[in-house]
PDB file of all heavy atoms in Angstrom:
ATOM      1  N   GLU A   1       0.784  -1.134   0.005  1.00  0.00           N
ATOM      2  CA  GLU A   1       0.000   0.067   0.021  1.00  0.00           C
ATOM      3  C   GLU A   1       0.821   1.312  -0.049  1.00  0.00           C
ATOM      4  O   GLU A   1       0.559   2.246  -0.610  1.00  0.00           O
ATOM      5  CB  GLU A   1      -0.938  -0.004   1.263  1.00  0.00           C
ATOM      6  CG  GLU A   1      -1.970  -1.254   1.252  1.00  0.00           C
ATOM      7  CD  GLU A   1      -2.820  -1.110  -0.043  1.00  0.00           C
ATOM      8  OE1 GLU A   1      -2.896  -0.234  -0.689  1.00  0.00           O
ATOM      9  OE2 GLU A   1      -3.433  -2.281  -0.317  1.00  0.00           O
ATOM     10  N   SER A   2       2.028   1.230   0.721  1.00  0.00           N
ATOM     11  CA  SER A   2       2.858   2.330   0.762  1.00  0.00           C
ATOM     12  C   SER A   2       3.516   2.616  -0.675  1.00  0.00           C
ATOM     13  O   SER A   2       3.638   3.772  -1.121  1.00  0.00           O
ATOM     14  CB  SER A   2       4.022   2.333   1.717  1.00  0.00           C
ATOM     15  OG  SER A   2       3.388   2.096   3.077  1.00  0.00           O
ATOM     16  N   PHE A   3       3.786   1.557  -1.314  1.00  0.00           N
ATOM     17  CA  PHE A   3       4.412   1.678  -2.734  1.00  0.00           C
ATOM     18  C   PHE A   3       3.315   2.246  -3.567  1.00  0.00           C
ATOM     19  O   PHE A   3       3.550   3.315  -4.375  1.00  0.00           O
ATOM     20  CB  PHE A   3       4.823   0.239  -3.255  1.00  0.00           C
ATOM     21  CG  PHE A   3       4.999   0.203  -4.714  1.00  0.00           C
ATOM     22  CD1 PHE A   3       5.955   0.896  -5.405  1.00  0.00           C
ATOM     23  CD2 PHE A   3       4.104  -0.557  -5.471  1.00  0.00           C
ATOM     24  CE1 PHE A   3       6.010   0.816  -6.832  1.00  0.00           C
ATOM     25  CE2 PHE A   3       4.181  -0.601  -6.837  1.00  0.00           C
ATOM     26  CZ  PHE A   3       5.153   0.015  -7.598  1.00  0.00           C
ATOM     27  N   ALA A   4       2.124   1.709  -3.580  1.00  0.00           N
ATOM     28  CA  ALA A   4       1.051   2.211  -4.495  1.00  0.00           C
ATOM     29  C   ALA A   4       0.723   3.745  -4.102  1.00  0.00           C
ATOM     30  O   ALA A   4       0.410   4.472  -5.028  1.00  0.00           O
ATOM     31  CB  ALA A   4      -0.238   1.375  -4.250  1.00  0.00           C
ATOM     32  N   THR A   5       0.839   4.077  -2.919  1.00  0.00           N
ATOM     33  CA  THR A   5       0.573   5.499  -2.500  1.00  0.00           C
ATOM     34  C   THR A   5       1.553   6.405  -3.033  1.00  0.00           C
ATOM     35  O   THR A   5       1.363   7.616  -3.586  1.00  0.00           O
ATOM     36  CB  THR A   5       0.429   5.577  -0.955  1.00  0.00           C
ATOM     37  OG1 THR A   5      -0.629   4.826  -0.480  1.00  0.00           O
ATOM     38  CG2 THR A   5       0.199   7.064  -0.415  1.00  0.00           C
ATOM     39  N   ALA A   6       2.822   5.949  -2.975  1.00  0.00           N
ATOM     40  CA  ALA A   6       3.892   6.771  -3.546  1.00  0.00           C
ATOM     41  C   ALA A   6       3.802   6.907  -5.099  1.00  0.00           C
ATOM     42  O   ALA A   6       4.020   8.083  -5.590  1.00  0.00           O
ATOM     43  CB  ALA A   6       5.295   6.046  -3.326  1.00  0.00           C
ATOM     44  N   VAL A   7       3.338   5.876  -5.754  1.00  0.00           N
ATOM     45  CA  VAL A   7       3.002   5.947  -7.233  1.00  0.00           C
ATOM     46  C   VAL A   7       1.844   6.876  -7.502  1.00  0.00           C
ATOM     47  O   VAL A   7       2.029   7.742  -8.327  1.00  0.00           O
ATOM     48  CB  VAL A   7       2.589   4.575  -7.795  1.00  0.00           C
ATOM     49  CG1 VAL A   7       2.233   4.714  -9.266  1.00  0.00           C
ATOM     50  CG2 VAL A   7       3.927   3.579  -7.740  1.00  0.00           C
ATOM     51  N   GLU A   8       0.869   6.889  -6.806  1.00  0.00           N
ATOM     52  CA  GLU A   8      -0.177   7.787  -6.998  1.00  0.00           C
ATOM     53  C   GLU A   8       0.080   9.221  -6.722  1.00  0.00           C
ATOM     54  O   GLU A   8      -0.185  10.175  -7.538  1.00  0.00           O
ATOM     55  CB  GLU A   8      -1.475   7.516  -5.958  1.00  0.00           C
ATOM     56  CG  GLU A   8      -1.279   7.974  -4.516  1.00  0.00           C
ATOM     57  CD  GLU A   8      -2.358   7.621  -3.697  1.00  0.00           C
ATOM     58  OE1 GLU A   8      -2.928   6.552  -3.679  1.00  0.00           O
ATOM     59  OE2 GLU A   8      -2.649   8.546  -2.809  1.00  0.00           O
ATOM     60  N   GLU A   9       0.939   9.550  -5.694  1.00  0.00           N
ATOM     61  CA  GLU A   9       1.470  10.805  -5.409  1.00  0.00           C
ATOM     62  C   GLU A   9       2.238  11.409  -6.650  1.00  0.00           C
ATOM     63  O   GLU A   9       1.949  12.546  -7.180  1.00  0.00           O
ATOM     64  CB  GLU A   9       2.306  10.954  -4.210  1.00  0.00           C
ATOM     65  CG  GLU A   9       1.597  10.730  -2.933  1.00  0.00           C
ATOM     66  CD  GLU A   9       2.647  10.851  -1.682  1.00  0.00           C
ATOM     67  OE1 GLU A   9       3.812  10.872  -1.925  1.00  0.00           O
ATOM     68  OE2 GLU A   9       2.114  10.874  -0.687  1.00  0.00           O
ATOM     69  N   ALA A  10       3.166  10.569  -7.114  1.00  0.00           N
ATOM     70  CA  ALA A  10       3.966  11.106  -8.205  1.00  0.00           C
ATOM     71  C   ALA A  10       3.136  11.184  -9.547  1.00  0.00           C
ATOM     72  O   ALA A  10       3.371  12.103 -10.352  1.00  0.00           O
ATOM     73  CB  ALA A  10       5.178   9.970  -8.476  1.00  0.00           C
ATOM     74  N   GLY A  11       2.316  10.257  -9.676  1.00  0.00           N
ATOM     75  CA  GLY A  11       1.415  10.333 -10.912  1.00  0.00           C
ATOM     76  C   GLY A  11       0.562  11.502 -11.022  1.00  0.00           C
ATOM     77  O   GLY A  11       0.385  12.126 -11.988  1.00  0.00           O
ATOM     78  N   VAL A  12      -0.120  11.813  -9.818  1.00  0.00           N
ATOM     79  CA  VAL A  12      -0.999  12.960  -9.896  1.00  0.00           C
ATOM     80  C   VAL A  12      -0.232  14.309 -10.159  1.00  0.00           C
ATOM     81  O   VAL A  12      -0.738  15.171 -10.884  1.00  0.00           O
ATOM     82  CB  VAL A  12      -1.799  13.034  -8.515  1.00  0.00           C
ATOM     83  CG1 VAL A  12      -2.620  14.383  -8.437  1.00  0.00           C
ATOM     84  CG2 VAL A  12      -2.775  11.873  -8.424  1.00  0.00           C
ATOM     85  N   LEU A  13       0.930  14.431  -9.576  1.00  0.00           N
ATOM     86  CA  LEU A  13       1.622  15.640  -9.840  1.00  0.00           C
ATOM     87  C   LEU A  13       2.026  15.794 -11.266  1.00  0.00           C
ATOM     88  O   LEU A  13       1.897  16.951 -11.772  1.00  0.00           O
ATOM     89  CB  LEU A  13       2.990  15.615  -8.871  1.00  0.00           C
ATOM     90  CG  LEU A  13       2.726  15.867  -7.420  1.00  0.00           C
ATOM     91  CD1 LEU A  13       4.139  15.749  -6.716  1.00  0.00           C
ATOM     92  CD2 LEU A  13       2.054  17.141  -7.104  1.00  0.00           C
ATOM     93  N   ARG A  14       2.266  14.717 -11.966  1.00  0.00           N
ATOM     94  CA  ARG A  14       2.615  14.830 -13.354  1.00  0.00           C
ATOM     95  C   ARG A  14       1.343  15.045 -14.264  1.00  0.00           C
ATOM     96  O   ARG A  14       1.359  15.724 -15.174  1.00  0.00           O
ATOM     97  CB  ARG A  14       3.191  13.511 -13.862  1.00  0.00           C
ATOM     98  CG  ARG A  14       4.598  13.305 -13.035  1.00  0.00           C
ATOM     99  CD  ARG A  14       5.375  12.038 -13.522  1.00  0.00           C
ATOM    100  NE  ARG A  14       6.499  11.777 -12.596  1.00  0.00           N
ATOM    101  CZ  ARG A  14       7.455  10.873 -12.903  1.00  0.00           C
ATOM    102  NH1 ARG A  14       7.434  10.199 -13.929  1.00  0.00           N
ATOM    103  NH2 ARG A  14       8.353  10.640 -11.905  1.00  0.00           N
ATOM    104  N   TRP A  15       0.239  14.388 -13.679  1.00  0.00           N
ATOM    105  CA  TRP A  15      -1.108  14.630 -14.481  1.00  0.00           C
ATOM    106  C   TRP A  15      -1.460  16.036 -14.315  1.00  0.00           C
ATOM    107  O   TRP A  15      -1.784  16.778 -15.382  1.00  0.00           O
ATOM    108  CB  TRP A  15      -2.169  13.745 -13.819  1.00  0.00           C
ATOM    109  CG  TRP A  15      -3.467  14.026 -14.288  1.00  0.00           C
ATOM    110  CD1 TRP A  15      -4.422  14.676 -13.715  1.00  0.00           C
ATOM    111  CD2 TRP A  15      -4.096  13.722 -15.546  1.00  0.00           C
ATOM    112  NE1 TRP A  15      -5.584  14.691 -14.348  1.00  0.00           N
ATOM    113  CE2 TRP A  15      -5.373  14.126 -15.537  1.00  0.00           C
ATOM    114  CE3 TRP A  15      -3.578  13.087 -16.746  1.00  0.00           C
ATOM    115  CZ2 TRP A  15      -6.207  14.019 -16.624  1.00  0.00           C
ATOM    116  CZ3 TRP A  15      -4.399  12.863 -17.769  1.00  0.00           C
ATOM    117  CH2 TRP A  15      -5.717  13.365 -17.790  1.00  0.00           C
ATOM    118  N   LEU A  16      -1.313  16.645 -13.141  1.00  0.00           N
ATOM    119  CA  LEU A  16      -1.679  18.072 -13.016  1.00  0.00           C
ATOM    120  C   LEU A  16      -0.658  19.019 -13.750  1.00  0.00           C
ATOM    121  O   LEU A  16      -1.221  19.967 -14.424  1.00  0.00           O
ATOM    122  CB  LEU A  16      -1.536  18.438 -11.563  1.00  0.00           C
ATOM    123  CG  LEU A  16      -2.543  17.832 -10.575  1.00  0.00           C
ATOM    124  CD1 LEU A  16      -2.219  18.182  -9.066  1.00  0.00           C
ATOM    125  CD2 LEU A  16      -3.965  18.181 -10.932  1.00  0.00           C
ATOM    126  N   ALA A  17       0.489  18.615 -13.853  1.00  0.00           N
ATOM    127  CA  ALA A  17       1.389  19.467 -14.645  1.00  0.00           C
ATOM    128  C   ALA A  17       1.110  19.340 -16.180  1.00  0.00           C
ATOM    129  O   ALA A  17       1.099  20.425 -16.921  1.00  0.00           O
ATOM    130  CB  ALA A  17       2.731  18.949 -14.519  1.00  0.00           C
ATOM    131  N   LYS A  18       0.619  18.111 -16.580  1.00  0.00           N
ATOM    132  CA  LYS A  18       0.155  18.056 -18.013  1.00  0.00           C
ATOM    133  C   LYS A  18      -1.072  18.953 -18.207  1.00  0.00           C
ATOM    134  O   LYS A  18      -1.165  19.473 -19.306  1.00  0.00           O
ATOM    135  CB  LYS A  18      -0.059  16.676 -18.355  1.00  0.00           C
ATOM    136  CG  LYS A  18      -0.626  16.437 -19.841  1.00  0.00           C
ATOM    137  CD  LYS A  18      -0.858  15.011 -20.103  1.00  0.00           C
ATOM    138  CE  LYS A  18      -1.431  14.890 -21.570  1.00  0.00           C
ATOM    139  NZ  LYS A  18      -1.806  13.530 -21.868  1.00  0.00           N
ATOM    140  N   ARG A  19      -2.075  18.925 -17.378  1.00  0.00           N
ATOM    141  CA  ARG A  19      -3.225  19.512 -17.589  1.00  0.00           C
ATOM    142  C   ARG A  19      -3.098  21.128 -17.544  1.00  0.00           C
ATOM    143  O   ARG A  19      -3.833  21.866 -18.101  1.00  0.00           O
ATOM    144  CB  ARG A  19      -4.256  19.173 -16.432  1.00  0.00           C
ATOM    145  CG  ARG A  19      -4.673  17.696 -16.483  1.00  0.00           C
ATOM    146  CD  ARG A  19      -5.777  17.483 -17.596  1.00  0.00           C
ATOM    147  NE  ARG A  19      -7.068  17.749 -17.146  1.00  0.00           N
ATOM    148  CZ  ARG A  19      -7.812  18.766 -17.545  1.00  0.00           C
ATOM    149  NH1 ARG A  19      -7.310  19.555 -18.464  1.00  0.00           N
ATOM    150  NH2 ARG A  19      -8.931  19.029 -16.990  1.00  0.00           N
ATOM    151  N   ALA A  20      -2.089  21.566 -16.711  1.00  0.00           N
ATOM    152  CA  ALA A  20      -1.741  23.002 -16.532  1.00  0.00           C
ATOM    153  C   ALA A  20      -3.065  23.823 -16.430  1.00  0.00           C
ATOM    154  O   ALA A  20      -3.286  24.848 -17.041  1.00  0.00           O
ATOM    155  CB  ALA A  20      -1.034  23.462 -17.888  1.00  0.00           C
ATOM    156  N   ASP A  21      -3.934  23.404 -15.492  1.00  0.00           N
ATOM    157  CA  ASP A  21      -5.082  24.104 -15.216  1.00  0.00           C
ATOM    158  C   ASP A  21      -4.968  24.625 -13.700  1.00  0.00           C
ATOM    159  O   ASP A  21      -5.076  23.752 -12.763  1.00  0.00           O
ATOM    160  CB  ASP A  21      -6.275  23.146 -15.356  1.00  0.00           C
ATOM    161  CG  ASP A  21      -7.649  23.862 -14.967  1.00  0.00           C
ATOM    162  OD1 ASP A  21      -7.638  24.878 -14.391  1.00  0.00           O
ATOM    163  OD2 ASP A  21      -8.712  23.185 -15.380  1.00  0.00           O
ATOM    164  N   PRO A  22      -4.785  25.948 -13.564  1.00  0.00           N
ATOM    165  CA  PRO A  22      -4.679  26.452 -12.131  1.00  0.00           C
ATOM    166  C   PRO A  22      -5.756  25.997 -11.213  1.00  0.00           C
ATOM    167  O   PRO A  22      -5.542  25.635  -9.995  1.00  0.00           O
ATOM    168  CB  PRO A  22      -4.623  27.940 -12.220  1.00  0.00           C
ATOM    169  CG  PRO A  22      -4.100  28.068 -13.589  1.00  0.00           C
ATOM    170  CD  PRO A  22      -4.637  26.961 -14.421  1.00  0.00           C
ATOM    171  N   ARG A  23      -6.968  26.036 -11.715  1.00  0.00           N
ATOM    172  CA  ARG A  23      -8.132  25.685 -10.840  1.00  0.00           C
ATOM    173  C   ARG A  23      -8.077  24.232 -10.448  1.00  0.00           C
ATOM    174  O   ARG A  23      -8.325  23.958  -9.243  1.00  0.00           O
ATOM    175  CB  ARG A  23      -9.478  25.912 -11.574  1.00  0.00           C
ATOM    176  CG  ARG A  23     -10.664  25.511 -10.913  1.00  0.00           C
ATOM    177  CD  ARG A  23     -11.869  25.256 -11.854  1.00  0.00           C
ATOM    178  NE  ARG A  23     -11.650  24.268 -12.855  1.00  0.00           N
ATOM    179  CZ  ARG A  23     -11.669  23.023 -12.750  1.00  0.00           C
ATOM    180  NH1 ARG A  23     -11.854  22.536 -11.518  1.00  0.00           N
ATOM    181  NH2 ARG A  23     -11.403  22.148 -13.652  1.00  0.00           N
ATOM    182  N   LEU A  24      -7.752  23.193 -11.269  1.00  0.00           N
ATOM    183  CA  LEU A  24      -7.625  21.941 -11.124  1.00  0.00           C
ATOM    184  C   LEU A  24      -6.557  21.676 -10.083  1.00  0.00           C
ATOM    185  O   LEU A  24      -6.596  20.904  -9.085  1.00  0.00           O
ATOM    186  CB  LEU A  24      -7.407  21.160 -12.217  1.00  0.00           C
ATOM    187  CG  LEU A  24      -7.247  19.613 -12.094  1.00  0.00           C
ATOM    188  CD1 LEU A  24      -8.515  18.981 -11.495  1.00  0.00           C
ATOM    189  CD2 LEU A  24      -6.974  19.037 -13.515  1.00  0.00           C
ATOM    190  N   ASP A  25      -5.384  22.412 -10.314  1.00  0.00           N
ATOM    191  CA  ASP A  25      -4.291  22.296  -9.394  1.00  0.00           C
ATOM    192  C   ASP A  25      -4.478  22.705  -7.945  1.00  0.00           C
ATOM    193  O   ASP A  25      -4.142  22.012  -7.031  1.00  0.00           O
ATOM    194  CB  ASP A  25      -3.158  23.153 -10.016  1.00  0.00           C
ATOM    195  CG  ASP A  25      -1.758  22.893  -9.333  1.00  0.00           C
ATOM    196  OD1 ASP A  25      -1.322  21.726  -9.520  1.00  0.00           O
ATOM    197  OD2 ASP A  25      -1.326  23.692  -8.552  1.00  0.00           O
ATOM    198  N   GLU A  26      -5.175  23.866  -7.831  1.00  0.00           N
ATOM    199  CA  GLU A  26      -5.600  24.366  -6.593  1.00  0.00           C
ATOM    200  C   GLU A  26      -6.510  23.357  -5.752  1.00  0.00           C
ATOM    201  O   GLU A  26      -6.465  23.144  -4.649  1.00  0.00           O
ATOM    202  CB  GLU A  26      -6.081  25.732  -6.645  1.00  0.00           C
ATOM    203  CG  GLU A  26      -6.703  26.335  -5.282  1.00  0.00           C
ATOM    204  CD  GLU A  26      -5.486  26.376  -4.227  1.00  0.00           C
ATOM    205  OE1 GLU A  26      -4.374  26.443  -4.723  1.00  0.00           O
ATOM    206  OE2 GLU A  26      -5.886  26.282  -3.033  1.00  0.00           O
ATOM    207  N   GLU A  27      -7.574  22.813  -6.593  1.00  0.00           N
ATOM    208  CA  GLU A  27      -8.514  21.919  -6.021  1.00  0.00           C
ATOM    209  C   GLU A  27      -7.811  20.730  -5.432  1.00  0.00           C
ATOM    210  O   GLU A  27      -8.054  20.271  -4.278  1.00  0.00           O
ATOM    211  CB  GLU A  27      -9.495  21.460  -7.085  1.00  0.00           C
ATOM    212  CG  GLU A  27     -10.468  20.495  -6.606  1.00  0.00           C
ATOM    213  CD  GLU A  27     -11.445  20.021  -7.757  1.00  0.00           C
ATOM    214  OE1 GLU A  27     -10.823  19.418  -8.809  1.00  0.00           O
ATOM    215  OE2 GLU A  27     -12.553  20.232  -7.705  1.00  0.00           O
ATOM    216  N   TYR A  28      -6.836  20.148  -6.163  1.00  0.00           N
ATOM    217  CA  TYR A  28      -6.205  18.881  -5.726  1.00  0.00           C
ATOM    218  C   TYR A  28      -5.300  19.237  -4.541  1.00  0.00           C
ATOM    219  O   TYR A  28      -5.217  18.556  -3.598  1.00  0.00           O
ATOM    220  CB  TYR A  28      -5.371  18.226  -6.792  1.00  0.00           C
ATOM    221  CG  TYR A  28      -4.726  16.982  -6.261  1.00  0.00           C
ATOM    222  CD1 TYR A  28      -5.419  15.798  -6.056  1.00  0.00           C
ATOM    223  CD2 TYR A  28      -3.294  17.122  -5.940  1.00  0.00           C
ATOM    224  CE1 TYR A  28      -4.705  14.699  -5.543  1.00  0.00           C
ATOM    225  CE2 TYR A  28      -2.693  15.939  -5.488  1.00  0.00           C
ATOM    226  CZ  TYR A  28      -3.443  14.858  -5.271  1.00  0.00           C
ATOM    227  OH  TYR A  28      -2.732  13.666  -4.751  1.00  0.00           O
ATOM    228  N   ARG A  29      -4.527  20.335  -4.606  1.00  0.00           N
ATOM    229  CA  ARG A  29      -3.598  20.646  -3.602  1.00  0.00           C
ATOM    230  C   ARG A  29      -4.322  20.928  -2.217  1.00  0.00           C
ATOM    231  O   ARG A  29      -3.891  20.639  -1.155  1.00  0.00           O
ATOM    232  CB  ARG A  29      -2.748  21.873  -3.885  1.00  0.00           C
ATOM    233  CG  ARG A  29      -1.804  21.465  -5.100  1.00  0.00           C
ATOM    234  CD  ARG A  29      -0.841  22.598  -5.479  1.00  0.00           C
ATOM    235  NE  ARG A  29      -0.066  22.210  -6.592  1.00  0.00           N
ATOM    236  CZ  ARG A  29       0.996  21.486  -6.647  1.00  0.00           C
ATOM    237  NH1 ARG A  29       1.468  20.877  -5.519  1.00  0.00           N
ATOM    238  NH2 ARG A  29       1.667  21.185  -7.704  1.00  0.00           N
ATOM    239  N   ARG A  30      -5.585  21.434  -2.270  1.00  0.00           N
ATOM    240  CA  ARG A  30      -6.376  21.662  -1.188  1.00  0.00           C
ATOM    241  C   ARG A  30      -6.698  20.275  -0.442  1.00  0.00           C
ATOM    242  O   ARG A  30      -6.705  20.164   0.753  1.00  0.00           O
ATOM    243  CB  ARG A  30      -7.570  22.442  -1.479  1.00  0.00           C
ATOM    244  CG  ARG A  30      -8.323  22.910  -0.191  1.00  0.00           C
ATOM    245  CD  ARG A  30      -9.359  24.007  -0.565  1.00  0.00           C
ATOM    246  NE  ARG A  30     -10.308  23.631  -1.644  1.00  0.00           N
ATOM    247  CZ  ARG A  30     -10.206  24.228  -2.808  1.00  0.00           C
ATOM    248  NH1 ARG A  30      -9.377  25.157  -3.200  1.00  0.00           N
ATOM    249  NH2 ARG A  30     -11.080  23.875  -3.754  1.00  0.00           N
ATOM    250  N   PHE A  31      -7.175  19.444  -1.315  1.00  0.00           N
ATOM    251  CA  PHE A  31      -7.524  18.083  -0.908  1.00  0.00           C
ATOM    252  C   PHE A  31      -6.385  17.381  -0.289  1.00  0.00           C
ATOM    253  O   PHE A  31      -6.455  16.785   0.785  1.00  0.00           O
ATOM    254  CB  PHE A  31      -8.035  17.233  -2.050  1.00  0.00           C
ATOM    255  CG  PHE A  31      -9.658  17.113  -2.257  1.00  0.00           C
ATOM    256  CD1 PHE A  31     -10.360  18.268  -2.813  1.00  0.00           C
ATOM    257  CD2 PHE A  31     -10.278  16.117  -1.793  1.00  0.00           C
ATOM    258  CE1 PHE A  31     -11.605  18.210  -3.007  1.00  0.00           C
ATOM    259  CE2 PHE A  31     -11.637  16.045  -1.928  1.00  0.00           C
ATOM    260  CZ  PHE A  31     -12.315  17.084  -2.574  1.00  0.00           C
ATOM    261  N   ALA A  32      -5.283  17.478  -1.015  1.00  0.00           N
ATOM    262  CA  ALA A  32      -3.969  16.748  -0.633  1.00  0.00           C
ATOM    263  C   ALA A  32      -3.563  17.418   0.822  1.00  0.00           C
ATOM    264  O   ALA A  32      -3.043  16.497   1.640  1.00  0.00           O
ATOM    265  CB  ALA A  32      -2.878  16.894  -1.656  1.00  0.00           C
ATOM    266  N   GLU A  33      -3.586  18.683   0.982  1.00  0.00           N
ATOM    267  CA  GLU A  33      -3.149  19.234   2.245  1.00  0.00           C
ATOM    268  C   GLU A  33      -4.000  18.799   3.378  1.00  0.00           C
ATOM    269  O   GLU A  33      -3.459  18.496   4.483  1.00  0.00           O
ATOM    270  CB  GLU A  33      -3.020  20.708   2.044  1.00  0.00           C
ATOM    271  CG  GLU A  33      -2.588  21.415   3.366  1.00  0.00           C
ATOM    272  CD  GLU A  33      -1.190  21.007   3.745  1.00  0.00           C
ATOM    273  OE1 GLU A  33      -0.440  20.391   3.065  1.00  0.00           O
ATOM    274  OE2 GLU A  33      -0.808  21.356   5.035  1.00  0.00           O
ATOM    275  N   ARG A  34      -5.260  18.814   3.144  1.00  0.00           N
ATOM    276  CA  ARG A  34      -6.171  18.270   4.147  1.00  0.00           C
ATOM    277  C   ARG A  34      -5.866  16.749   4.553  1.00  0.00           C
ATOM    278  O   ARG A  34      -5.886  16.558   5.688  1.00  0.00           O
ATOM    279  CB  ARG A  34      -7.639  18.534   3.715  1.00  0.00           C
ATOM    280  CG  ARG A  34      -8.162  19.824   3.746  1.00  0.00           C
ATOM    281  CD  ARG A  34      -9.415  19.988   3.008  1.00  0.00           C
ATOM    282  NE  ARG A  34      -9.956  21.368   3.147  1.00  0.00           N
ATOM    283  CZ  ARG A  34     -10.913  21.785   2.304  1.00  0.00           C
ATOM    284  NH1 ARG A  34     -11.440  20.993   1.434  1.00  0.00           N
ATOM    285  NH2 ARG A  34     -11.315  22.989   2.331  1.00  0.00           N
ATOM    286  N   ARG A  35      -5.638  16.064   3.605  1.00  0.00           N
ATOM    287  CA  ARG A  35      -5.385  14.637   3.791  1.00  0.00           C
ATOM    288  C   ARG A  35      -4.055  14.489   4.491  1.00  0.00           C
ATOM    289  O   ARG A  35      -3.958  13.698   5.516  1.00  0.00           O
ATOM    290  CB  ARG A  35      -5.361  13.972   2.483  1.00  0.00           C
ATOM    291  CG  ARG A  35      -5.032  12.425   2.609  1.00  0.00           C
ATOM    292  CD  ARG A  35      -5.218  11.573   1.231  1.00  0.00           C
ATOM    293  NE  ARG A  35      -4.498  12.120   0.239  1.00  0.00           N
ATOM    294  CZ  ARG A  35      -5.056  12.727  -0.883  1.00  0.00           C
ATOM    295  NH1 ARG A  35      -6.360  12.854  -0.954  1.00  0.00           N
ATOM    296  NH2 ARG A  35      -4.377  13.175  -1.789  1.00  0.00           N
ATOM    297  N   ARG A  36      -3.028  15.334   4.147  1.00  0.00           N
ATOM    298  CA  ARG A  36      -1.817  15.313   4.782  1.00  0.00           C
ATOM    299  C   ARG A  36      -1.920  15.623   6.311  1.00  0.00           C
ATOM    300  O   ARG A  36      -1.387  15.009   7.181  1.00  0.00           O
ATOM    301  CB  ARG A  36      -0.805  16.258   4.157  1.00  0.00           C
ATOM    302  CG  ARG A  36       0.671  16.098   4.699  1.00  0.00           C
ATOM    303  CD  ARG A  36       1.430  17.235   4.319  1.00  0.00           C
ATOM    304  NE  ARG A  36       1.020  18.399   4.896  1.00  0.00           N
ATOM    305  CZ  ARG A  36       1.230  18.832   6.177  1.00  0.00           C
ATOM    306  NH1 ARG A  36       1.852  18.058   7.061  1.00  0.00           N
ATOM    307  NH2 ARG A  36       0.706  20.008   6.649  1.00  0.00           N
ATOM    308  N   GLN A  37      -2.615  16.739   6.542  1.00  0.00           N
ATOM    309  CA  GLN A  37      -2.859  17.107   7.907  1.00  0.00           C
ATOM    310  C   GLN A  37      -3.631  16.091   8.758  1.00  0.00           C
ATOM    311  O   GLN A  37      -3.350  15.896   9.953  1.00  0.00           O
ATOM    312  CB  GLN A  37      -3.578  18.431   7.986  1.00  0.00           C
ATOM    313  CG  GLN A  37      -2.664  19.611   7.438  1.00  0.00           C
ATOM    314  CD  GLN A  37      -3.466  20.960   7.425  1.00  0.00           C
ATOM    315  OE1 GLN A  37      -4.475  20.912   7.028  1.00  0.00           O
ATOM    316  NE2 GLN A  37      -2.798  21.963   7.875  1.00  0.00           N
ATOM    317  N   PHE A  38      -4.641  15.480   8.085  1.00  0.00           N
ATOM    318  CA  PHE A  38      -5.414  14.373   8.858  1.00  0.00           C
ATOM    319  C   PHE A  38      -4.563  13.210   9.108  1.00  0.00           C
ATOM    320  O   PHE A  38      -4.518  12.780  10.335  1.00  0.00           O
ATOM    321  CB  PHE A  38      -6.553  14.001   7.899  1.00  0.00           C
ATOM    322  CG  PHE A  38      -7.293  12.755   8.308  1.00  0.00           C
ATOM    323  CD1 PHE A  38      -8.094  12.743   9.504  1.00  0.00           C
ATOM    324  CD2 PHE A  38      -7.223  11.579   7.568  1.00  0.00           C
ATOM    325  CE1 PHE A  38      -8.700  11.617   9.834  1.00  0.00           C
ATOM    326  CE2 PHE A  38      -7.747  10.444   8.100  1.00  0.00           C
ATOM    327  CZ  PHE A  38      -8.615  10.395   9.116  1.00  0.00           C
TER     328      PHE A  38
END
C-alpha cells in the first residue's frame, strides 16, 4: 500500500502538470493538504 501510495502521489503531480489548469491544481492541492494534515 505504501508503494502504491507513492506511485499515486508522483502520478497525480505529473497529471496536474500536463493539464496545466490552475483551478484543478488548486483543488487537488487543497484536498491533498487536508489529507496530509489528517
